[in-house]
PDB file of N, CA and C in Angstrom:
ATOM      1  N   MET A   1      41.976 -18.282 -10.825  1.00  0.00           N
ATOM      2  CA  MET A   1      41.550 -18.927  -9.601  1.00  0.00           C
ATOM      3  C   MET A   1      40.074 -18.663  -9.359  1.00  0.00           C
ATOM      4  N   PHE A   2      39.479 -19.586  -8.634  1.00  0.00           N
ATOM      5  CA  PHE A   2      38.061 -19.456  -8.285  1.00  0.00           C
ATOM      6  C   PHE A   2      37.908 -18.617  -7.037  1.00  0.00           C
ATOM      7  N   LYS A   3      36.854 -17.886  -6.995  1.00  0.00           N
ATOM      8  CA  LYS A   3      36.506 -17.145  -5.790  1.00  0.00           C
ATOM      9  C   LYS A   3      35.649 -18.047  -4.908  1.00  0.00           C
ATOM     10  N   PHE A   4      35.569 -17.695  -3.652  1.00  0.00           N
ATOM     11  CA  PHE A   4      34.796 -18.495  -2.701  1.00  0.00           C
ATOM     12  C   PHE A   4      33.334 -18.598  -3.130  1.00  0.00           C
ATOM     13  N   GLY A   5      32.736 -17.545  -3.609  1.00  0.00           N
ATOM     14  CA  GLY A   5      31.341 -17.541  -4.061  1.00  0.00           C
ATOM     15  C   GLY A   5      31.131 -18.469  -5.248  1.00  0.00           C
ATOM     16  N   ASP A   6      32.126 -18.520  -6.150  1.00  0.00           N
ATOM     17  CA  ASP A   6      32.043 -19.429  -7.298  1.00  0.00           C
ATOM     18  C   ASP A   6      32.024 -20.881  -6.836  1.00  0.00           C
ATOM     19  N   LEU A   7      32.861 -21.198  -5.861  1.00  0.00           N
ATOM     20  CA  LEU A   7      32.905 -22.568  -5.345  1.00  0.00           C
ATOM     21  C   LEU A   7      31.577 -22.964  -4.699  1.00  0.00           C
ATOM     22  N   LEU A   8      30.944 -22.032  -4.006  1.00  0.00           N
ATOM     23  CA  LEU A   8      29.644 -22.324  -3.400  1.00  0.00           C
ATOM     24  C   LEU A   8      28.589 -22.603  -4.465  1.00  0.00           C
ATOM     25  N   ILE A   9      28.609 -21.844  -5.531  1.00  0.00           N
ATOM     26  CA  ILE A   9      27.641 -22.047  -6.611  1.00  0.00           C
ATOM     27  C   ILE A   9      27.874 -23.398  -7.287  1.00  0.00           C
ATOM     28  N   TYR A  10      29.133 -23.724  -7.574  1.00  0.00           N
ATOM     29  CA  TYR A  10      29.449 -25.016  -8.194  1.00  0.00           C
ATOM     30  C   TYR A  10      29.054 -26.175  -7.284  1.00  0.00           C
ATOM     31  N   ALA A  11      29.295 -26.038  -5.996  1.00  0.00           N
ATOM     32  CA  ALA A  11      28.939 -27.092  -5.047  1.00  0.00           C
ATOM     33  C   ALA A  11      27.420 -27.265  -4.989  1.00  0.00           C
ATOM     34  N   ALA A  12      26.689 -26.171  -5.016  1.00  0.00           N
ATOM     35  CA  ALA A  12      25.229 -26.246  -4.972  1.00  0.00           C
ATOM     36  C   ALA A  12      24.672 -26.913  -6.234  1.00  0.00           C
ATOM     37  N   VAL A  13      25.205 -26.556  -7.386  1.00  0.00           N
ATOM     38  CA  VAL A  13      24.744 -27.148  -8.650  1.00  0.00           C
ATOM     39  C   VAL A  13      25.085 -28.637  -8.685  1.00  0.00           C
ATOM     40  N   LEU A  14      26.283 -28.994  -8.266  1.00  0.00           N
ATOM     41  CA  LEU A  14      26.700 -30.394  -8.268  1.00  0.00           C
ATOM     42  C   LEU A  14      25.853 -31.222  -7.310  1.00  0.00           C
ATOM     43  N   SER A  15      25.603 -30.702  -6.122  1.00  0.00           N
ATOM     44  CA  SER A  15      24.791 -31.463  -5.165  1.00  0.00           C
ATOM     45  C   SER A  15      23.349 -31.603  -5.647  1.00  0.00           C
ATOM     46  N   ALA A  16      22.802 -30.579  -6.301  1.00  0.00           N
ATOM     47  CA  ALA A  16      21.447 -30.673  -6.837  1.00  0.00           C
ATOM     48  C   ALA A  16      21.385 -31.701  -7.962  1.00  0.00           C
ATOM     49  N   ALA A  17      22.427 -31.785  -8.766  1.00  0.00           N
ATOM     50  CA  ALA A  17      22.449 -32.743  -9.877  1.00  0.00           C
ATOM     51  C   ALA A  17      22.597 -34.176  -9.376  1.00  0.00           C
ATOM     52  N   LEU A  18      23.336 -34.380  -8.294  1.00  0.00           N
ATOM     53  CA  LEU A  18      23.588 -35.725  -7.786  1.00  0.00           C
ATOM     54  C   LEU A  18      22.560 -36.191  -6.765  1.00  0.00           C
ATOM     55  N   PHE A  19      21.733 -35.300  -6.260  1.00  0.00           N
ATOM     56  CA  PHE A  19      20.788 -35.652  -5.204  1.00  0.00           C
ATOM     57  C   PHE A  19      19.892 -36.838  -5.551  1.00  0.00           C
ATOM     58  N   PRO A  20      19.272 -36.904  -6.722  1.00  0.00           N
ATOM     59  CA  PRO A  20      18.396 -38.047  -7.013  1.00  0.00           C
ATOM     60  C   PRO A  20      19.128 -39.390  -7.019  1.00  0.00           C
ATOM     61  N   PHE A  21      20.409 -39.375  -7.339  1.00  0.00           N
ATOM     62  CA  PHE A  21      21.166 -40.623  -7.402  1.00  0.00           C
ATOM     63  C   PHE A  21      21.689 -41.047  -6.034  1.00  0.00           C
ATOM     64  N   LEU A  22      21.944 -40.095  -5.167  1.00  0.00           N
ATOM     65  CA  LEU A  22      22.501 -40.402  -3.857  1.00  0.00           C
ATOM     66  C   LEU A  22      21.433 -40.668  -2.811  1.00  0.00           C
ATOM     67  N   ARG A  23      20.223 -40.255  -3.091  1.00  0.00           N
ATOM     68  CA  ARG A  23      19.134 -40.409  -2.130  1.00  0.00           C
ATOM     69  C   ARG A  23      18.727 -41.868  -2.037  1.00  0.00           C
ATOM     70  N   GLU A  24      18.538 -42.349  -0.804  1.00  0.00           N
ATOM     71  CA  GLU A  24      18.070 -43.711  -0.612  1.00  0.00           C
ATOM     72  C   GLU A  24      16.587 -43.779  -0.909  1.00  0.00           C
ATOM     73  N   LYS A  25      16.152 -44.930  -1.389  1.00  0.00           N
ATOM     74  CA  LYS A  25      14.735 -45.111  -1.668  1.00  0.00           C
ATOM     75  C   LYS A  25      13.978 -45.073  -0.341  1.00  0.00           C
ATOM     76  N   ASP A  26      12.978 -44.208  -0.256  1.00  0.00           N
ATOM     77  CA  ASP A  26      12.225 -44.036   0.976  1.00  0.00           C
ATOM     78  C   ASP A  26      11.054 -45.003   0.997  1.00  0.00           C
ATOM     79  N   THR A  27      11.260 -46.143   1.652  1.00  0.00           N
ATOM     80  CA  THR A  27      10.198 -47.140   1.766  1.00  0.00           C
ATOM     81  C   THR A  27       9.817 -47.338   3.219  1.00  0.00           C
ATOM     82  N   GLU A  28      10.263 -46.433   4.049  1.00  0.00           N
ATOM     83  CA  GLU A  28      10.068 -46.577   5.486  1.00  0.00           C
ATOM     84  C   GLU A  28       8.597 -46.644   5.874  1.00  0.00           C
ATOM     85  N   ASN A  29       7.741 -45.917   5.182  1.00  0.00           N
ATOM     86  CA  ASN A  29       6.342 -45.831   5.565  1.00  0.00           C
ATOM     87  C   ASN A  29       5.440 -46.787   4.801  1.00  0.00           C
ATOM     88  N   ASN A  30       5.979 -47.618   3.925  1.00  0.00           N
ATOM     89  CA  ASN A  30       5.142 -48.536   3.164  1.00  0.00           C
ATOM     90  C   ASN A  30       4.567 -49.601   4.090  1.00  0.00           C
ATOM     91  N   LYS A  31       3.312 -49.919   3.839  1.00  0.00           N
ATOM     92  CA  LYS A  31       2.607 -50.884   4.675  1.00  0.00           C
ATOM     93  C   LYS A  31       2.075 -52.019   3.823  1.00  0.00           C
ATOM     94  N   ILE A  32       1.798 -53.120   4.475  1.00  0.00           N
ATOM     95  CA  ILE A  32       1.145 -54.254   3.833  1.00  0.00           C
ATOM     96  C   ILE A  32      -0.314 -54.220   4.270  1.00  0.00           C
ATOM     97  N   HIS A  33      -1.203 -54.174   3.293  1.00  0.00           N
ATOM     98  CA  HIS A  33      -2.637 -54.102   3.553  1.00  0.00           C
ATOM     99  C   HIS A  33      -3.218 -55.487   3.354  1.00  0.00           C
ATOM    100  N   ILE A  34      -3.906 -55.991   4.369  1.00  0.00           N
ATOM    101  CA  ILE A  34      -4.536 -57.304   4.285  1.00  0.00           C
ATOM    102  C   ILE A  34      -6.023 -57.126   4.534  1.00  0.00           C
ATOM    103  N   LEU A  35      -6.816 -57.581   3.574  1.00  0.00           N
ATOM    104  CA  LEU A  35      -8.271 -57.504   3.656  1.00  0.00           C
ATOM    105  C   LEU A  35      -8.805 -58.924   3.724  1.00  0.00           C
ATOM    106  N   TYR A  36      -9.577 -59.223   4.773  1.00  0.00           N
ATOM    107  CA  TYR A  36     -10.161 -60.554   4.906  1.00  0.00           C
ATOM    108  C   TYR A  36     -11.452 -60.472   5.717  1.00  0.00           C
ATOM    109  N   ASP A  37     -12.439 -61.179   5.276  1.00  0.00           N
ATOM    110  CA  ASP A  37     -13.686 -61.322   6.018  1.00  0.00           C
ATOM    111  C   ASP A  37     -14.226 -59.982   6.531  1.00  0.00           C
ATOM    112  N   GLY A  38     -14.137 -58.950   5.703  1.00  0.00           N
ATOM    113  CA  GLY A  38     -14.633 -57.643   6.095  1.00  0.00           C
ATOM    114  C   GLY A  38     -13.701 -56.840   6.988  1.00  0.00           C
ATOM    115  N   HIS A  39     -12.534 -57.387   7.332  1.00  0.00           N
ATOM    116  CA  HIS A  39     -11.562 -56.695   8.184  1.00  0.00           C
ATOM    117  C   HIS A  39     -10.439 -56.136   7.327  1.00  0.00           C
ATOM    118  N   LYS A  40      -9.901 -55.000   7.755  1.00  0.00           N
ATOM    119  CA  LYS A  40      -8.732 -54.406   7.112  1.00  0.00           C
ATOM    120  C   LYS A  40      -7.640 -54.284   8.162  1.00  0.00           C
ATOM    121  N   GLU A  41      -6.460 -54.797   7.823  1.00  0.00           N
ATOM    122  CA  GLU A  41      -5.330 -54.680   8.741  1.00  0.00           C
ATOM    123  C   GLU A  41      -4.114 -54.192   7.969  1.00  0.00           C
ATOM    124  N   TYR A  42      -3.279 -53.427   8.643  1.00  0.00           N
ATOM    125  CA  TYR A  42      -2.050 -52.921   8.056  1.00  0.00           C
ATOM    126  C   TYR A  42      -0.877 -53.425   8.883  1.00  0.00           C
ATOM    127  N   PHE A  43       0.171 -53.858   8.193  1.00  0.00           N
ATOM    128  CA  PHE A  43       1.376 -54.342   8.847  1.00  0.00           C
ATOM    129  C   PHE A  43       2.574 -53.590   8.304  1.00  0.00           C
ATOM    130  N   ASP A  44       3.562 -53.397   9.131  1.00  0.00           N
ATOM    131  CA  ASP A  44       4.784 -52.712   8.735  1.00  0.00           C
ATOM    132  C   ASP A  44       5.585 -53.621   7.808  1.00  0.00           C
ATOM    133  N   ALA A  45       5.926 -53.125   6.626  1.00  0.00           N
ATOM    134  CA  ALA A  45       6.659 -53.931   5.645  1.00  0.00           C
ATOM    135  C   ALA A  45       8.087 -54.213   6.095  1.00  0.00           C
ATOM    136  N   GLY A  46       8.618 -53.414   6.996  1.00  0.00           N
ATOM    137  CA  GLY A  46       9.995 -53.590   7.440  1.00  0.00           C
ATOM    138  C   GLY A  46      10.156 -54.490   8.642  1.00  0.00           C
ATOM    139  N   LYS A  47       9.069 -54.990   9.198  1.00  0.00           N
ATOM    140  CA  LYS A  47       9.148 -55.828  10.392  1.00  0.00           C
ATOM    141  C   LYS A  47       8.881 -57.280  10.018  1.00  0.00           C
ATOM    142  N   ASP A  48       9.902 -58.133  10.132  1.00  0.00           N
ATOM    143  CA  ASP A  48       9.774 -59.551   9.797  1.00  0.00           C
ATOM    144  C   ASP A  48       8.888 -60.250  10.824  1.00  0.00           C
ATOM    145  N   THR A  49       7.885 -60.967  10.331  1.00  0.00           N
ATOM    146  CA  THR A  49       6.965 -61.659  11.230  1.00  0.00           C
ATOM    147  C   THR A  49       6.231 -62.770  10.487  1.00  0.00           C
ATOM    148  N   VAL A  50       5.671 -63.690  11.240  1.00  0.00           N
ATOM    149  CA  VAL A  50       4.800 -64.744  10.715  1.00  0.00           C
ATOM    150  C   VAL A  50       3.544 -64.729  11.575  1.00  0.00           C
ATOM    151  N   PHE A  51       2.369 -64.763  10.952  1.00  0.00           N
ATOM    152  CA  PHE A  51       1.120 -64.745  11.711  1.00  0.00           C
ATOM    153  C   PHE A  51       0.046 -65.498  10.931  1.00  0.00           C
ATOM    154  N   PHE A  52      -1.053 -65.757  11.603  1.00  0.00           N
ATOM    155  CA  PHE A  52      -2.160 -66.505  11.004  1.00  0.00           C
ATOM    156  C   PHE A  52      -3.378 -65.603  10.834  1.00  0.00           C
ATOM    157  N   ILE A  53      -4.073 -65.780   9.711  1.00  0.00           N
ATOM    158  CA  ILE A  53      -5.334 -65.100   9.452  1.00  0.00           C
ATOM    159  C   ILE A  53      -6.421 -66.163   9.493  1.00  0.00           C
ATOM    160  N   GLN A  54      -7.488 -65.894  10.200  1.00  0.00           N
ATOM    161  CA  GLN A  54      -8.622 -66.806  10.322  1.00  0.00           C
ATOM    162  C   GLN A  54      -8.180 -68.178  10.846  1.00  0.00           C
ATOM    163  N   GLY A  55      -7.044 -68.239  11.496  1.00  0.00           N
ATOM    164  CA  GLY A  55      -6.568 -69.480  12.097  1.00  0.00           C
ATOM    165  C   GLY A  55      -6.042 -70.515  11.129  1.00  0.00           C
ATOM    166  N   SER A  56      -6.132 -70.275   9.817  1.00  0.00           N
ATOM    167  CA  SER A  56      -5.733 -71.314   8.871  1.00  0.00           C
ATOM    168  C   SER A  56      -4.834 -70.826   7.738  1.00  0.00           C
ATOM    169  N   ILE A  57      -4.615 -69.522   7.630  1.00  0.00           N
ATOM    170  CA  ILE A  57      -3.775 -68.980   6.561  1.00  0.00           C
ATOM    171  C   ILE A  57      -2.524 -68.394   7.204  1.00  0.00           C
ATOM    172  N   GLU A  58      -1.388 -68.967   6.879  1.00  0.00           N
ATOM    173  CA  GLU A  58      -0.118 -68.507   7.449  1.00  0.00           C
ATOM    174  C   GLU A  58       0.517 -67.485   6.506  1.00  0.00           C
ATOM    175  N   VAL A  59       0.744 -66.284   7.011  1.00  0.00           N
ATOM    176  CA  VAL A  59       1.318 -65.190   6.236  1.00  0.00           C
ATOM    177  C   VAL A  59       2.700 -64.881   6.803  1.00  0.00           C
ATOM    178  N   GLU A  60       3.665 -64.687   5.894  1.00  0.00           N
ATOM    179  CA  GLU A  60       5.035 -64.369   6.314  1.00  0.00           C
ATOM    180  C   GLU A  60       5.472 -63.054   5.676  1.00  0.00           C
ATOM    181  N   ILE A  61       6.027 -62.182   6.505  1.00  0.00           N
ATOM    182  CA  ILE A  61       6.631 -60.927   6.052  1.00  0.00           C
ATOM    183  C   ILE A  61       8.110 -61.023   6.362  1.00  0.00           C
ATOM    184  N   LYS A  62       8.942 -60.831   5.325  1.00  0.00           N
ATOM    185  CA  LYS A  62      10.384 -60.958   5.514  1.00  0.00           C
ATOM    186  C   LYS A  62      11.110 -60.130   4.458  1.00  0.00           C
ATOM    187  N   ASP A  63      12.079 -59.348   4.881  1.00  0.00           N
ATOM    188  CA  ASP A  63      12.914 -58.548   3.975  1.00  0.00           C
ATOM    189  C   ASP A  63      12.075 -57.694   3.026  1.00  0.00           C
ATOM    190  N   ARG A  64      11.047 -57.051   3.553  1.00  0.00           N
ATOM    191  CA  ARG A  64      10.161 -56.156   2.793  1.00  0.00           C
ATOM    192  C   ARG A  64       9.440 -56.892   1.660  1.00  0.00           C
ATOM    193  N   LYS A  65       9.142 -58.182   1.895  1.00  0.00           N
ATOM    194  CA  LYS A  65       8.357 -59.008   0.985  1.00  0.00           C
ATOM    195  C   LYS A  65       7.273 -59.696   1.814  1.00  0.00           C
ATOM    196  N   VAL A  66       6.231 -60.161   1.150  1.00  0.00           N
ATOM    197  CA  VAL A  66       5.160 -60.874   1.845  1.00  0.00           C
ATOM    198  C   VAL A  66       4.730 -62.073   1.002  1.00  0.00           C
ATOM    199  N   ARG A  67       4.278 -63.120   1.674  1.00  0.00           N
ATOM    200  CA  ARG A  67       3.745 -64.285   0.973  1.00  0.00           C
ATOM    201  C   ARG A  67       2.761 -65.014   1.873  1.00  0.00           C
ATOM    202  N   ILE A  68       1.902 -65.808   1.252  1.00  0.00           N
ATOM    203  CA  ILE A  68       1.080 -66.742   2.009  1.00  0.00           C
ATOM    204  C   ILE A  68       1.877 -68.034   2.053  1.00  0.00           C
ATOM    205  N   LYS A  69       2.333 -68.369   3.225  1.00  0.00           N
ATOM    206  CA  LYS A  69       3.209 -69.529   3.399  1.00  0.00           C
ATOM    207  C   LYS A  69       2.424 -70.841   3.338  1.00  0.00           C
ATOM    208  N   ASP A  70       1.207 -70.828   3.898  1.00  0.00           N
ATOM    209  CA  ASP A  70       0.375 -72.017   3.866  1.00  0.00           C
ATOM    210  C   ASP A  70      -1.088 -71.607   3.992  1.00  0.00           C
ATOM    211  N   SER A  71      -1.957 -72.409   3.393  1.00  0.00           N
ATOM    212  CA  SER A  71      -3.387 -72.116   3.427  1.00  0.00           C
ATOM    213  C   SER A  71      -4.168 -73.419   3.390  1.00  0.00           C
ATOM    214  N   ASN A  72      -5.385 -73.363   3.868  1.00  0.00           N
ATOM    215  CA  ASN A  72      -6.223 -74.558   3.860  1.00  0.00           C
ATOM    216  C   ASN A  72      -7.065 -74.694   2.595  1.00  0.00           C
ATOM    217  N   CYS A  73      -6.852 -73.805   1.613  1.00  0.00           N
ATOM    218  CA  CYS A  73      -7.633 -73.894   0.376  1.00  0.00           C
ATOM    219  C   CYS A  73      -7.164 -75.079  -0.475  1.00  0.00           C
ATOM    220  N   ARG A  74      -8.000 -75.510  -1.389  1.00  0.00           N
ATOM    221  CA  ARG A  74      -7.758 -76.738  -2.147  1.00  0.00           C
ATOM    222  C   ARG A  74      -6.584 -76.630  -3.121  1.00  0.00           C
ATOM    223  N   ASP A  75      -6.595 -75.643  -4.006  1.00  0.00           N
ATOM    224  CA  ASP A  75      -5.577 -75.569  -5.055  1.00  0.00           C
ATOM    225  C   ASP A  75      -4.304 -74.844  -4.642  1.00  0.00           C
ATOM    226  N   LYS A  76      -4.369 -74.033  -3.612  1.00  0.00           N
ATOM    227  CA  LYS A  76      -3.224 -73.308  -3.062  1.00  0.00           C
ATOM    228  C   LYS A  76      -2.528 -72.403  -4.083  1.00  0.00           C
ATOM    229  N   TYR A  77      -3.322 -71.766  -4.949  1.00  0.00           N
ATOM    230  CA  TYR A  77      -2.743 -70.809  -5.895  1.00  0.00           C
ATOM    231  C   TYR A  77      -2.092 -69.640  -5.157  1.00  0.00           C
ATOM    232  N   CYS A  78      -2.665 -69.268  -4.029  1.00  0.00           N
ATOM    233  CA  CYS A  78      -2.100 -68.168  -3.244  1.00  0.00           C
ATOM    234  C   CYS A  78      -0.718 -68.526  -2.710  1.00  0.00           C
ATOM    235  N   VAL A  79      -0.512 -69.769  -2.333  1.00  0.00           N
ATOM    236  CA  VAL A  79       0.787 -70.228  -1.850  1.00  0.00           C
ATOM    237  C   VAL A  79       1.770 -70.313  -3.025  1.00  0.00           C
ATOM    238  N   LYS A  80       1.295 -70.793  -4.169  1.00  0.00           N
ATOM    239  CA  LYS A  80       2.135 -70.917  -5.357  1.00  0.00           C
ATOM    240  C   LYS A  80       2.552 -69.566  -5.922  1.00  0.00           C
ATOM    241  N   HIS A  81       1.804 -68.516  -5.600  1.00  0.00           N
ATOM    242  CA  HIS A  81       2.145 -67.163  -6.063  1.00  0.00           C
ATOM    243  C   HIS A  81       3.541 -66.774  -5.590  1.00  0.00           C
ATOM    244  N   GLY A  82       3.903 -67.211  -4.421  1.00  0.00           N
ATOM    245  CA  GLY A  82       5.227 -66.891  -3.881  1.00  0.00           C
ATOM    246  C   GLY A  82       5.273 -65.508  -3.271  1.00  0.00           C
ATOM    247  N   TRP A  83       6.463 -64.933  -3.277  1.00  0.00           N
ATOM    248  CA  TRP A  83       6.690 -63.647  -2.636  1.00  0.00           C
ATOM    249  C   TRP A  83       6.175 -62.491  -3.486  1.00  0.00           C
ATOM    250  N   LEU A  84       5.568 -61.530  -2.821  1.00  0.00           N
ATOM    251  CA  LEU A  84       5.203 -60.256  -3.424  1.00  0.00           C
ATOM    252  C   LEU A  84       6.175 -59.233  -2.873  1.00  0.00           C
ATOM    253  N   LYS A  85       6.967 -58.635  -3.760  1.00  0.00           N
ATOM    254  CA  LYS A  85       7.977 -57.668  -3.338  1.00  0.00           C
ATOM    255  C   LYS A  85       7.376 -56.281  -3.237  1.00  0.00           C
ATOM    256  N   GLU A  86       7.987 -55.483  -2.412  1.00  0.00           N
ATOM    257  CA  GLU A  86       7.484 -54.142  -2.138  1.00  0.00           C
ATOM    258  C   GLU A  86       7.413 -53.278  -3.385  1.00  0.00           C
ATOM    259  N   ASP A  87       8.347 -53.437  -4.302  1.00  0.00           N
ATOM    260  CA  ASP A  87       8.378 -52.579  -5.484  1.00  0.00           C
ATOM    261  C   ASP A  87       7.533 -53.124  -6.645  1.00  0.00           C
ATOM    262  N   GLN A  88       6.843 -54.250  -6.441  1.00  0.00           N
ATOM    263  CA  GLN A  88       5.988 -54.817  -7.480  1.00  0.00           C
ATOM    264  C   GLN A  88       4.566 -54.294  -7.337  1.00  0.00           C
ATOM    265  N   ASN A  89       3.905 -54.167  -8.445  1.00  0.00           N
ATOM    266  CA  ASN A  89       2.468 -53.908  -8.409  1.00  0.00           C
ATOM    267  C   ASN A  89       1.780 -55.253  -8.471  1.00  0.00           C
ATOM    268  N   GLY A  90       0.754 -55.419  -7.701  1.00  0.00           N
ATOM    269  CA  GLY A  90       0.027 -56.676  -7.729  1.00  0.00           C
ATOM    270  C   GLY A  90      -0.505 -57.024  -6.362  1.00  0.00           C
ATOM    271  N   LYS A  91      -1.162 -58.163  -6.309  1.00  0.00           N
ATOM    272  CA  LYS A  91      -1.807 -58.619  -5.085  1.00  0.00           C
ATOM    273  C   LYS A  91      -1.657 -60.120  -4.979  1.00  0.00           C
ATOM    274  N   ILE A  92      -1.735 -60.605  -3.768  1.00  0.00           N
ATOM    275  CA  ILE A  92      -1.884 -62.036  -3.525  1.00  0.00           C
ATOM    276  C   ILE A  92      -3.334 -62.219  -3.113  1.00  0.00           C
ATOM    277  N   ILE A  93      -4.033 -63.092  -3.824  1.00  0.00           N
ATOM    278  CA  ILE A  93      -5.453 -63.289  -3.565  1.00  0.00           C
ATOM    279  C   ILE A  93      -5.718 -64.762  -3.293  1.00  0.00           C
ATOM    280  N   CYS A  94      -6.412 -65.023  -2.206  1.00  0.00           N
ATOM    281  CA  CYS A  94      -6.887 -66.373  -1.895  1.00  0.00           C
ATOM    282  C   CYS A  94      -8.405 -66.323  -1.991  1.00  0.00           C
ATOM    283  N   MET A  95      -8.938 -66.739  -3.118  1.00  0.00           N
ATOM    284  CA  MET A  95     -10.380 -66.620  -3.379  1.00  0.00           C
ATOM    285  C   MET A  95     -11.243 -67.439  -2.423  1.00  0.00           C
ATOM    286  N   PRO A  96     -10.902 -68.717  -2.151  1.00  0.00           N
ATOM    287  CA  PRO A  96     -11.778 -69.491  -1.258  1.00  0.00           C
ATOM    288  C   PRO A  96     -11.897 -68.869   0.142  1.00  0.00           C
ATOM    289  N   ASN A  97     -10.818 -68.279   0.623  1.00  0.00           N
ATOM    290  CA  ASN A  97     -10.830 -67.683   1.966  1.00  0.00           C
ATOM    291  C   ASN A  97     -11.107 -66.185   1.951  1.00  0.00           C
ATOM    292  N   LYS A  98     -11.273 -65.607   0.756  1.00  0.00           N
ATOM    293  CA  LYS A  98     -11.564 -64.183   0.591  1.00  0.00           C
ATOM    294  C   LYS A  98     -10.513 -63.306   1.278  1.00  0.00           C
ATOM    295  N   VAL A  99      -9.251 -63.537   0.916  1.00  0.00           N
ATOM    296  CA  VAL A  99      -8.125 -62.781   1.470  1.00  0.00           C
ATOM    297  C   VAL A  99      -7.399 -62.074   0.329  1.00  0.00           C
ATOM    298  N   ILE A 100      -7.091 -60.794   0.531  1.00  0.00           N
ATOM    299  CA  ILE A 100      -6.324 -60.007  -0.438  1.00  0.00           C
ATOM    300  C   ILE A 100      -5.171 -59.346   0.305  1.00  0.00           C
ATOM    301  N   ILE A 101      -3.970 -59.507  -0.239  1.00  0.00           N
ATOM    302  CA  ILE A 101      -2.771 -58.912   0.353  1.00  0.00           C
ATOM    303  C   ILE A 101      -2.102 -58.045  -0.704  1.00  0.00           C
ATOM    304  N   GLU A 102      -1.743 -56.816  -0.322  1.00  0.00           N
ATOM    305  CA  GLU A 102      -1.066 -55.914  -1.242  1.00  0.00           C
ATOM    306  C   GLU A 102      -0.238 -54.905  -0.460  1.00  0.00           C
ATOM    307  N   PHE A 103       0.703 -54.278  -1.152  1.00  0.00           N
ATOM    308  CA  PHE A 103       1.484 -53.197  -0.566  1.00  0.00           C
ATOM    309  C   PHE A 103       0.765 -51.887  -0.790  1.00  0.00           C
ATOM    310  N   VAL A 104       0.811 -51.025   0.201  1.00  0.00           N
ATOM    311  CA  VAL A 104       0.242 -49.689   0.103  1.00  0.00           C
ATOM    312  C   VAL A 104       1.402 -48.717   0.219  1.00  0.00           C
ATOM    313  N   LYS A 105       1.572 -47.906  -0.806  1.00  0.00           N
ATOM    314  CA  LYS A 105       2.666 -46.930  -0.831  1.00  0.00           C
ATOM    315  C   LYS A 105       2.318 -45.735   0.040  1.00  0.00           C
ATOM    316  N   ARG A 106       3.331 -44.941   0.324  1.00  0.00           N
ATOM    317  CA  ARG A 106       3.116 -43.694   1.052  1.00  0.00           C
ATOM    318  C   ARG A 106       2.138 -42.833   0.275  1.00  0.00           C
ATOM    319  N   GLU A 107       1.354 -42.040   0.979  1.00  0.00           N
ATOM    320  CA  GLU A 107       0.316 -41.245   0.334  1.00  0.00           C
ATOM    321  C   GLU A 107       0.860 -40.254  -0.681  1.00  0.00           C
ATOM    322  N   ASP A 108       2.044 -39.677  -0.437  1.00  0.00           N
ATOM    323  CA  ASP A 108       2.544 -38.683  -1.375  1.00  0.00           C
ATOM    324  C   ASP A 108       3.131 -39.308  -2.629  1.00  0.00           C
ATOM    325  N   ASP A 109       3.241 -40.647  -2.683  1.00  0.00           N
ATOM    326  CA  ASP A 109       3.704 -41.330  -3.885  1.00  0.00           C
ATOM    327  C   ASP A 109       2.545 -41.775  -4.770  1.00  0.00           C
ATOM    328  N   VAL A 110       1.330 -41.658  -4.283  1.00  0.00           N
ATOM    329  CA  VAL A 110       0.166 -42.152  -4.995  1.00  0.00           C
ATOM    330  C   VAL A 110      -0.362 -41.061  -5.923  1.00  0.00           C
ATOM    331  N   ILE A 111      -0.622 -41.429  -7.170  1.00  0.00           N
ATOM    332  CA  ILE A 111      -1.207 -40.494  -8.138  1.00  0.00           C
ATOM    333  C   ILE A 111      -2.725 -40.689  -8.069  1.00  0.00           C
ATOM    334  N   ASP A 112      -3.436 -39.624  -7.763  1.00  0.00           N
ATOM    335  CA  ASP A 112      -4.878 -39.748  -7.660  1.00  0.00           C
ATOM    336  C   ASP A 112      -5.616 -39.175  -8.869  1.00  0.00           C
ATOM    337  N   ALA A 113      -4.911 -38.464  -9.749  1.00  0.00           N
ATOM    338  CA  ALA A 113      -5.550 -37.954 -10.953  1.00  0.00           C
ATOM    339  C   ALA A 113      -4.483 -37.556 -11.963  1.00  0.00           C
ATOM    340  N   VAL A 114      -4.829 -37.693 -13.240  1.00  0.00           N
ATOM    341  CA  VAL A 114      -3.943 -37.269 -14.321  1.00  0.00           C
ATOM    342  C   VAL A 114      -4.774 -36.474 -15.300  1.00  0.00           C
ATOM    343  N   THR A 115      -4.271 -35.303 -15.695  1.00  0.00           N
ATOM    344  CA  THR A 115      -4.978 -34.483 -16.677  1.00  0.00           C
ATOM    345  C   THR A 115      -4.072 -34.220 -17.858  1.00  0.00           C
ATOM    346  N   GLU A 116      -4.679 -33.949 -18.975  1.00  0.00           N
ATOM    347  CA  GLU A 116      -3.905 -33.638 -20.179  1.00  0.00           C
ATOM    348  C   GLU A 116      -4.351 -32.328 -20.750  1.00  0.00           C
TER     349      GLU A 116
END
């Protein structure tokens, strides 16, 4: 039979082994960074909203994704880009209007240096 102390040790080892799999992905603090015309704005990635930049660029945030829904630029490559998901690396760029949209991760998830 197991002793009470043995059961505590087994429970601790099992919980430590399963912790990475049971933990929810922490995206609560991720923000959407929008740079336009010399301005920097941050929006909560978890709050669904639609708003306008410079009165002519419609931006939509929904389900932790962002996209440029409509723009007054000629080719509309920024609109054709579609949704940028929170877990993707990349940016939505509208060159004619000088707009850049990207996700900014929590500071403790960012690698600022690598040494070998």
